[in-house]
Amino acid sequence: MDHATKRKSHNTGHPDGPTDIFGRINGDGDVDVLDYDSGEAITRLPDARGYPVGSGLGCGYDHPEGITLSRTDADRIGIEIEGVDLAGRIPQAWLHDCRANLTGTMIERNETIRGWFVAIFNYGVDIDVDRCVWVSADDGTWLTQAEIDDALRKIDAGV
């Protein structure tokens, strides 16, 4: 399988040793943990400290239906999330400068960074906690760093 993420091994309790796994964001915004080669659900992560979404049993226990983690837990455990790891990010310095330079007109109109991205791409846009930008076009996609940088230049120019 070819995924938009790099391989990363974790102990899955498999007798052959660590397994290459990755995470895929599901329709609920949580992360399904999958085998890198087969795409099958990972059912156990003995070394991971955390609980799958909706479960009272930790990741070290067997979860026959597969393990689904919150984004926060997946990031903390070190699960590479498909697409997100190659997505661009809004630079922290740009966010700081933008907030510091908001004009009275911008504040009065209740303009937001998300709103600017929506205006540029003409699609729904979400910005996650890692400052990655998701554009809800036909198939939905994370913006690359080049696309984000281009959008920020347009925002800075007042487009």
C-alpha atoms as a PDB file:
ATOM      1  CA  MET A   1       0.000   0.000   0.000  1.00  0.00           C
ATOM      2  CA  ASP A   2       1.140   3.509  -0.712  1.00  0.00           C
ATOM      3  CA  HIS A   3       0.252   6.049   1.956  1.00  0.00           C
ATOM      4  CA  ALA A   4       0.992   9.733   2.201  1.00  0.00           C
ATOM      5  CA  THR A   5       3.041   9.114   5.321  1.00  0.00           C
ATOM      6  CA  LYS A   6       6.325   7.540   6.308  1.00  0.00           C
ATOM      7  CA  ARG A   7       6.725   4.108   7.864  1.00  0.00           C
ATOM      8  CA  LYS A   8       6.982   3.974  11.640  1.00  0.00           C
ATOM      9  CA  SER A   9       7.221   0.788  13.678  1.00  0.00           C
ATOM     10  CA  HIS A  10       5.362   0.145  16.928  1.00  0.00           C
ATOM     11  CA  ASN A  11       4.994  -2.857  19.186  1.00  0.00           C
ATOM     12  CA  THR A  12       1.624  -4.394  18.301  1.00  0.00           C
ATOM     13  CA  GLY A  13       2.156  -7.595  20.272  1.00  0.00           C
ATOM     14  CA  HIS A  14       2.811  -9.494  17.048  1.00  0.00           C
ATOM     15  CA  PRO A  15       5.178 -12.457  17.598  1.00  0.00           C
ATOM     16  CA  ASP A  16       7.360 -11.363  14.663  1.00  0.00           C
ATOM     17  CA  GLY A  17       8.177  -8.095  16.372  1.00  0.00           C
ATOM     18  CA  PRO A  18       7.301  -4.447  15.738  1.00  0.00           C
ATOM     19  CA  THR A  19       4.840  -3.654  12.964  1.00  0.00           C
ATOM     20  CA  ASP A  20       4.827  -0.661  10.621  1.00  0.00           C
ATOM     21  CA  ILE A  21       1.604   1.207  11.278  1.00  0.00           C
ATOM     22  CA  PHE A  22      -0.050   4.505  10.396  1.00  0.00           C
ATOM     23  CA  GLY A  23      -3.194   6.395  11.288  1.00  0.00           C
ATOM     24  CA  ARG A  24      -6.062   7.406   9.024  1.00  0.00           C
ATOM     25  CA  ILE A  25      -8.532  10.085  10.059  1.00  0.00           C
ATOM     26  CA  ASN A  26     -12.057   8.664   9.945  1.00  0.00           C
ATOM     27  CA  GLY A  27     -15.393  10.406   9.419  1.00  0.00           C
ATOM     28  CA  ASP A  28     -15.630  11.304  13.113  1.00  0.00           C
ATOM     29  CA  GLY A  29     -12.242  13.045  13.062  1.00  0.00           C
ATOM     30  CA  ASP A  30     -10.611  10.302  15.122  1.00  0.00           C
ATOM     31  CA  VAL A  31      -7.651   8.181  14.006  1.00  0.00           C
ATOM     32  CA  ASP A  32      -8.018   4.551  12.937  1.00  0.00           C
ATOM     33  CA  VAL A  33      -4.717   2.726  13.531  1.00  0.00           C
ATOM     34  CA  LEU A  34      -3.840   0.462  10.584  1.00  0.00           C
ATOM     35  CA  ASP A  35      -1.111  -1.914   9.404  1.00  0.00           C
ATOM     36  CA  TYR A  36       1.079  -0.085   6.875  1.00  0.00           C
ATOM     37  CA  ASP A  37       1.351  -2.985   4.430  1.00  0.00           C
ATOM     38  CA  SER A  38      -2.092  -4.599   4.593  1.00  0.00           C
ATOM     39  CA  GLY A  39      -4.301  -1.710   5.716  1.00  0.00           C
ATOM     40  CA  GLU A  40      -5.864  -4.003   8.322  1.00  0.00           C
ATOM     41  CA  ALA A  41      -6.916  -2.632  11.688  1.00  0.00           C
ATOM     42  CA  ILE A  42      -4.365  -2.859  14.505  1.00  0.00           C
ATOM     43  CA  THR A  43      -5.995  -4.492  17.509  1.00  0.00           C
ATOM     44  CA  ARG A  44      -3.352  -3.993  20.179  1.00  0.00           C
ATOM     45  CA  LEU A  45      -0.585  -1.533  21.105  1.00  0.00           C
ATOM     46  CA  PRO A  46       1.014  -2.932  24.286  1.00  0.00           C
ATOM     47  CA  ASP A  47       3.491  -0.062  24.784  1.00  0.00           C
ATOM     48  CA  ALA A  48       1.021   2.767  24.148  1.00  0.00           C
ATOM     49  CA  ARG A  49      -0.437   4.567  27.133  1.00  0.00           C
ATOM     50  CA  GLY A  50      -3.955   5.619  26.341  1.00  0.00           C
ATOM     51  CA  TYR A  51      -7.463   4.441  25.647  1.00  0.00           C
ATOM     52  CA  PRO A  52      -9.159   3.895  22.303  1.00  0.00           C
ATOM     53  CA  VAL A  53     -12.159   6.137  21.690  1.00  0.00           C
ATOM     54  CA  GLY A  54     -15.209   4.774  23.511  1.00  0.00           C
ATOM     55  CA  SER A  55     -13.303   2.036  25.340  1.00  0.00           C
ATOM     56  CA  GLY A  56     -12.599   1.535  29.015  1.00  0.00           C
ATOM     57  CA  LEU A  57      -9.682  -0.758  28.177  1.00  0.00           C
ATOM     58  CA  GLY A  58      -6.239   0.611  27.393  1.00  0.00           C
ATOM     59  CA  CYS A  59      -4.460   0.170  24.078  1.00  0.00           C
ATOM     60  CA  GLY A  60      -2.471  -2.742  25.543  1.00  0.00           C
ATOM     61  CA  TYR A  61      -5.594  -4.894  25.618  1.00  0.00           C
ATOM     62  CA  ASP A  62      -6.968  -6.660  22.556  1.00  0.00           C
ATOM     63  CA  HIS A  63      -9.586  -4.641  20.647  1.00  0.00           C
ATOM     64  CA  PRO A  64     -10.945  -7.046  17.985  1.00  0.00           C
ATOM     65  CA  GLU A  65     -12.741  -4.234  16.139  1.00  0.00           C
ATOM     66  CA  GLY A  66      -9.470  -2.288  15.835  1.00  0.00           C
ATOM     67  CA  ILE A  67      -8.023   0.664  17.689  1.00  0.00           C
ATOM     68  CA  THR A  68      -9.349   4.170  17.090  1.00  0.00           C
ATOM     69  CA  LEU A  69      -7.641   7.024  18.920  1.00  0.00           C
ATOM     70  CA  SER A  70      -8.376  10.697  19.404  1.00  0.00           C
ATOM     71  CA  ARG A  71      -6.043  13.002  17.427  1.00  0.00           C
ATOM     72  CA  THR A  72      -4.448  14.073  20.706  1.00  0.00           C
ATOM     73  CA  ASP A  73      -3.693  10.495  21.792  1.00  0.00           C
ATOM     74  CA  ALA A  74      -2.457   9.509  18.314  1.00  0.00           C
ATOM     75  CA  ASP A  75      -0.057  12.478  18.309  1.00  0.00           C
ATOM     76  CA  ARG A  76       1.111  11.746  21.870  1.00  0.00           C
ATOM     77  CA  ILE A  77       1.726   8.065  21.075  1.00  0.00           C
ATOM     78  CA  GLY A  78       3.593   8.997  17.887  1.00  0.00           C
ATOM     79  CA  ILE A  79       1.238   7.568  15.267  1.00  0.00           C
ATOM     80  CA  GLU A  80       2.048   9.035  11.850  1.00  0.00           C
ATOM     81  CA  ILE A  81      -1.265  10.233  10.426  1.00  0.00           C
ATOM     82  CA  GLU A  82      -1.838   9.757   6.710  1.00  0.00           C
ATOM     83  CA  GLY A  83      -1.758  13.037   4.811  1.00  0.00           C
ATOM     84  CA  VAL A  84      -1.345  15.233   7.881  1.00  0.00           C
ATOM     85  CA  ASP A  85       2.358  14.554   8.176  1.00  0.00           C
ATOM     86  CA  LEU A  86       2.919  15.855   4.650  1.00  0.00           C
ATOM     87  CA  ALA A  87       0.531  18.771   5.010  1.00  0.00           C
ATOM     88  CA  GLY A  88       1.784  22.303   5.273  1.00  0.00           C
ATOM     89  CA  ARG A  89       1.256  24.383   8.370  1.00  0.00           C
ATOM     90  CA  ILE A  90       0.435  28.021   8.943  1.00  0.00           C
ATOM     91  CA  PRO A  91       3.657  29.357  10.466  1.00  0.00           C
ATOM     92  CA  GLN A  92       3.348  30.326  14.127  1.00  0.00           C
ATOM     93  CA  ALA A  93       5.181  33.596  13.446  1.00  0.00           C
ATOM     94  CA  TRP A  94       2.609  34.527  10.761  1.00  0.00           C
ATOM     95  CA  LEU A  95      -0.242  33.858  13.190  1.00  0.00           C
ATOM     96  CA  HIS A  96       1.440  36.015  15.827  1.00  0.00           C
ATOM     97  CA  ASP A  97       2.037  38.881  13.381  1.00  0.00           C
ATOM     98  CA  CYS A  98      -1.494  38.607  12.015  1.00  0.00           C
ATOM     99  CA  ARG A  99      -3.076  38.851  15.459  1.00  0.00           C
ATOM    100  CA  ALA A 100      -0.800  41.738  16.412  1.00  0.00           C
ATOM    101  CA  ASN A 101      -1.649  43.673  13.218  1.00  0.00           C
ATOM    102  CA  LEU A 102      -5.429  43.234  13.112  1.00  0.00           C
ATOM    103  CA  THR A 103      -7.016  46.488  12.116  1.00  0.00           C
ATOM    104  CA  GLY A 104     -10.180  47.925  13.630  1.00  0.00           C
ATOM    105  CA  THR A 105     -12.051  47.217  10.383  1.00  0.00           C
ATOM    106  CA  MET A 106     -11.056  43.555  10.469  1.00  0.00           C
ATOM    107  CA  ILE A 107     -12.195  43.238  14.059  1.00  0.00           C
ATOM    108  CA  GLU A 108     -15.477  45.089  13.367  1.00  0.00           C
ATOM    109  CA  ARG A 109     -16.234  42.746  10.445  1.00  0.00           C
ATOM    110  CA  ASN A 110     -15.334  39.754  12.640  1.00  0.00           C
ATOM    111  CA  GLU A 111     -12.966  38.451   9.962  1.00  0.00           C
ATOM    112  CA  THR A 112     -11.119  35.233  10.706  1.00  0.00           C
ATOM    113  CA  ILE A 113      -8.146  33.438   9.249  1.00  0.00           C
ATOM    114  CA  ARG A 114     -10.455  30.542   8.403  1.00  0.00           C
ATOM    115  CA  GLY A 115     -12.758  32.978   6.599  1.00  0.00           C
ATOM    116  CA  TRP A 116      -9.866  34.266   4.495  1.00  0.00           C
ATOM    117  CA  PHE A 117      -8.962  30.716   3.440  1.00  0.00           C
ATOM    118  CA  VAL A 118     -12.602  30.024   2.546  1.00  0.00           C
ATOM    119  CA  ALA A 119     -12.655  33.172   0.388  1.00  0.00           C
ATOM    120  CA  ILE A 120      -9.482  32.129  -1.430  1.00  0.00           C
ATOM    121  CA  PHE A 121     -10.392  28.480  -2.066  1.00  0.00           C
ATOM    122  CA  ASN A 122     -14.219  28.783  -2.361  1.00  0.00           C
ATOM    123  CA  TYR A 123     -14.684  25.618  -0.290  1.00  0.00           C
ATOM    124  CA  GLY A 124     -15.237  24.797   3.346  1.00  0.00           C
ATOM    125  CA  VAL A 125     -12.007  24.981   5.306  1.00  0.00           C
ATOM    126  CA  ASP A 126     -10.936  23.667   8.692  1.00  0.00           C
ATOM    127  CA  ILE A 127      -7.717  24.547  10.483  1.00  0.00           C
ATOM    128  CA  ASP A 128      -6.619  21.923  12.996  1.00  0.00           C
ATOM    129  CA  VAL A 129      -4.640  22.232  16.216  1.00  0.00           C
ATOM    130  CA  ASP A 130      -1.381  21.685  14.317  1.00  0.00           C
ATOM    131  CA  ARG A 131      -2.173  24.679  12.046  1.00  0.00           C
ATOM    132  CA  CYS A 132      -2.752  22.343   9.061  1.00  0.00           C
ATOM    133  CA  VAL A 133      -5.461  23.501   6.655  1.00  0.00           C
ATOM    134  CA  TRP A 134      -8.070  21.039   5.338  1.00  0.00           C
ATOM    135  CA  VAL A 135     -10.025  22.098   2.268  1.00  0.00           C
ATOM    136  CA  SER A 136     -13.343  20.287   1.868  1.00  0.00           C
ATOM    137  CA  ALA A 137     -13.297  20.195  -1.925  1.00  0.00           C
ATOM    138  CA  ASP A 138     -14.691  17.219  -3.842  1.00  0.00           C
ATOM    139  CA  ASP A 139     -12.385  14.673  -2.221  1.00  0.00           C
ATOM    140  CA  GLY A 140     -11.051  16.778   0.651  1.00  0.00           C
ATOM    141  CA  THR A 141      -7.352  17.369   0.988  1.00  0.00           C
ATOM    142  CA  TRP A 142      -4.715  18.893   3.211  1.00  0.00           C
ATOM    143  CA  LEU A 143      -2.990  21.910   1.687  1.00  0.00           C
ATOM    144  CA  THR A 144       0.703  21.657   0.944  1.00  0.00           C
ATOM    145  CA  GLN A 145       3.121  24.180   2.396  1.00  0.00           C
ATOM    146  CA  ALA A 146       3.380  25.908  -1.005  1.00  0.00           C
ATOM    147  CA  GLU A 147      -0.429  26.302  -1.186  1.00  0.00           C
ATOM    148  CA  ILE A 148      -0.564  27.689   2.353  1.00  0.00           C
ATOM    149  CA  ASP A 149       2.317  30.102   1.686  1.00  0.00           C
ATOM    150  CA  ASP A 150       0.578  31.323  -1.503  1.00  0.00           C
ATOM    151  CA  ALA A 151      -2.692  31.843   0.403  1.00  0.00           C
ATOM    152  CA  LEU A 152      -0.886  33.768   3.160  1.00  0.00           C
ATOM    153  CA  ARG A 153       0.726  36.058   0.557  1.00  0.00           C
ATOM    154  CA  LYS A 154      -2.773  36.787  -0.818  1.00  0.00           C
ATOM    155  CA  ILE A 155      -4.112  37.449   2.675  1.00  0.00           C
ATOM    156  CA  ASP A 156      -1.178  39.773   3.438  1.00  0.00           C
ATOM    157  CA  ALA A 157      -1.818  41.608   0.158  1.00  0.00           C
ATOM    158  CA  GLY A 158      -5.474  42.081   1.113  1.00  0.00           C
ATOM    159  CA  VAL A 159      -6.882  39.829  -1.641  1.00  0.00           C
END
